[in-house]
């Protein structure tokens, strides 16, 4: 995932991966299921920078490998 949402002055705003990496202290959520996410920088072992859920949720389309096929809000959805 390369985009998420960040909470600024009480409103959820779109956030790119680059912005998420520089705003690490901000509250971030998935733009699809609204579950909490974190931004991870590129690793020394070759892993690409990306945004991932703090807790996996099969009702979210990201990551595709864990998606159950039916979208739903994350059980820990941020409002």
C-alpha atoms as a PDB file:
ATOM      1  CA  UNK A   1       0.000   0.000   0.000  1.00  0.00           C
ATOM      2  CA  UNK A   2       1.432   3.405  -0.906  1.00  0.00           C
ATOM      3  CA  UNK A   3      -1.299   5.747   0.388  1.00  0.00           C
ATOM      4  CA  UNK A   4      -3.194   6.186   3.632  1.00  0.00           C
ATOM      5  CA  UNK A   5      -5.017   8.891   5.566  1.00  0.00           C
ATOM      6  CA  UNK A   6      -3.599  11.049   8.346  1.00  0.00           C
ATOM      7  CA  UNK A   7      -5.587  12.936  10.968  1.00  0.00           C
ATOM      8  CA  UNK A   8      -4.929  16.682  10.898  1.00  0.00           C
ATOM      9  CA  UNK A   9      -6.930  19.050  13.129  1.00  0.00           C
ATOM     10  CA  UNK A  10      -9.736  16.502  13.504  1.00  0.00           C
ATOM     11  CA  UNK A  11     -10.039  15.678   9.770  1.00  0.00           C
ATOM     12  CA  UNK A  12      -8.759  12.659   7.819  1.00  0.00           C
ATOM     13  CA  UNK A  13      -6.674  13.775   4.830  1.00  0.00           C
ATOM     14  CA  UNK A  14      -5.004  11.736   2.047  1.00  0.00           C
ATOM     15  CA  UNK A  15      -1.337  10.970   2.647  1.00  0.00           C
ATOM     16  CA  UNK A  16       1.312   9.521   0.317  1.00  0.00           C
ATOM     17  CA  UNK A  17       3.920   6.984   1.396  1.00  0.00           C
ATOM     18  CA  UNK A  18       6.612   9.692   1.346  1.00  0.00           C
ATOM     19  CA  UNK A  19       4.502  11.968   3.581  1.00  0.00           C
ATOM     20  CA  UNK A  20       3.668   9.080   5.910  1.00  0.00           C
ATOM     21  CA  UNK A  21       7.374   8.294   6.324  1.00  0.00           C
ATOM     22  CA  UNK A  22       8.105  11.890   7.337  1.00  0.00           C
ATOM     23  CA  UNK A  23       5.012  12.239   9.578  1.00  0.00           C
ATOM     24  CA  UNK A  24       5.642   9.101  11.640  1.00  0.00           C
ATOM     25  CA  UNK A  25       4.178  10.592  14.831  1.00  0.00           C
ATOM     26  CA  UNK A  26       0.759  11.256  13.307  1.00  0.00           C
ATOM     27  CA  UNK A  27      -2.262   8.975  13.607  1.00  0.00           C
ATOM     28  CA  UNK A  28      -2.662   7.073  10.300  1.00  0.00           C
ATOM     29  CA  UNK A  29      -5.396   4.808   8.958  1.00  0.00           C
ATOM     30  CA  UNK A  30      -6.052   2.691   5.871  1.00  0.00           C
ATOM     31  CA  UNK A  31      -8.051   4.601   3.279  1.00  0.00           C
ATOM     32  CA  UNK A  32     -10.150   1.499   2.545  1.00  0.00           C
ATOM     33  CA  UNK A  33     -11.004  -0.194   5.876  1.00  0.00           C
ATOM     34  CA  UNK A  34      -9.962   2.667   8.235  1.00  0.00           C
ATOM     35  CA  UNK A  35      -7.817   0.338  10.326  1.00  0.00           C
ATOM     36  CA  UNK A  36      -4.647   1.701  11.969  1.00  0.00           C
ATOM     37  CA  UNK A  37      -1.544   1.542   9.756  1.00  0.00           C
ATOM     38  CA  UNK A  38       2.150   2.348   9.944  1.00  0.00           C
ATOM     39  CA  UNK A  39       4.685   3.493   7.361  1.00  0.00           C
ATOM     40  CA  UNK A  40       7.805   1.368   7.006  1.00  0.00           C
ATOM     41  CA  UNK A  41      10.938   2.584   5.261  1.00  0.00           C
ATOM     42  CA  UNK A  42      12.992   0.525   2.815  1.00  0.00           C
ATOM     43  CA  UNK A  43      14.926  -2.219   4.591  1.00  0.00           C
ATOM     44  CA  UNK A  44      18.583  -3.082   4.203  1.00  0.00           C
ATOM     45  CA  UNK A  45      17.553  -6.571   3.052  1.00  0.00           C
ATOM     46  CA  UNK A  46      15.743  -5.209  -0.013  1.00  0.00           C
ATOM     47  CA  UNK A  47      12.194  -4.773   1.287  1.00  0.00           C
ATOM     48  CA  UNK A  48      10.494  -1.777  -0.310  1.00  0.00           C
ATOM     49  CA  UNK A  49       9.052   1.121   1.671  1.00  0.00           C
ATOM     50  CA  UNK A  50       5.328   0.613   2.231  1.00  0.00           C
ATOM     51  CA  UNK A  51       2.340   1.164   4.492  1.00  0.00           C
ATOM     52  CA  UNK A  52       0.913  -1.808   6.361  1.00  0.00           C
ATOM     53  CA  UNK A  53      -1.856  -2.536   8.852  1.00  0.00           C
ATOM     54  CA  UNK A  54      -0.891  -2.778  12.506  1.00  0.00           C
ATOM     55  CA  UNK A  55      -3.294  -5.732  12.713  1.00  0.00           C
ATOM     56  CA  UNK A  56      -4.246  -7.757   9.648  1.00  0.00           C
ATOM     57  CA  UNK A  57      -7.894  -7.635   8.513  1.00  0.00           C
ATOM     58  CA  UNK A  58      -9.323 -10.028   5.865  1.00  0.00           C
ATOM     59  CA  UNK A  59     -12.033  -7.502   4.924  1.00  0.00           C
ATOM     60  CA  UNK A  60      -9.486  -5.075   3.450  1.00  0.00           C
ATOM     61  CA  UNK A  61      -8.225  -5.335  -0.119  1.00  0.00           C
ATOM     62  CA  UNK A  62      -4.635  -4.702   1.065  1.00  0.00           C
ATOM     63  CA  UNK A  63      -2.691  -6.851   1.186  1.00  0.00           C
ATOM     64  CA  UNK A  64      -4.389  -8.715  -1.633  1.00  0.00           C
ATOM     65  CA  UNK A  65      -3.004 -12.044  -0.386  1.00  0.00           C
ATOM     66  CA  UNK A  66      -5.119 -11.817   2.800  1.00  0.00           C
ATOM     67  CA  UNK A  67      -8.306 -10.334   1.290  1.00  0.00           C
ATOM     68  CA  UNK A  68     -11.381 -12.585   1.769  1.00  0.00           C
ATOM     69  CA  UNK A  69     -13.247 -11.027  -1.184  1.00  0.00           C
ATOM     70  CA  UNK A  70     -15.804  -9.035   0.825  1.00  0.00           C
ATOM     71  CA  UNK A  71     -14.841  -5.526   1.959  1.00  0.00           C
ATOM     72  CA  UNK A  72     -15.658  -4.508   5.533  1.00  0.00           C
ATOM     73  CA  UNK A  73     -14.520  -1.944   8.084  1.00  0.00           C
ATOM     74  CA  UNK A  74     -11.624  -2.944  10.305  1.00  0.00           C
ATOM     75  CA  UNK A  75     -12.683  -4.065  13.815  1.00  0.00           C
ATOM     76  CA  UNK A  76     -10.343  -1.368  15.206  1.00  0.00           C
ATOM     77  CA  UNK A  77     -11.422   1.293  12.662  1.00  0.00           C
ATOM     78  CA  UNK A  78     -10.311   4.827  13.510  1.00  0.00           C
ATOM     79  CA  UNK A  79     -12.956   7.545  13.349  1.00  0.00           C
END
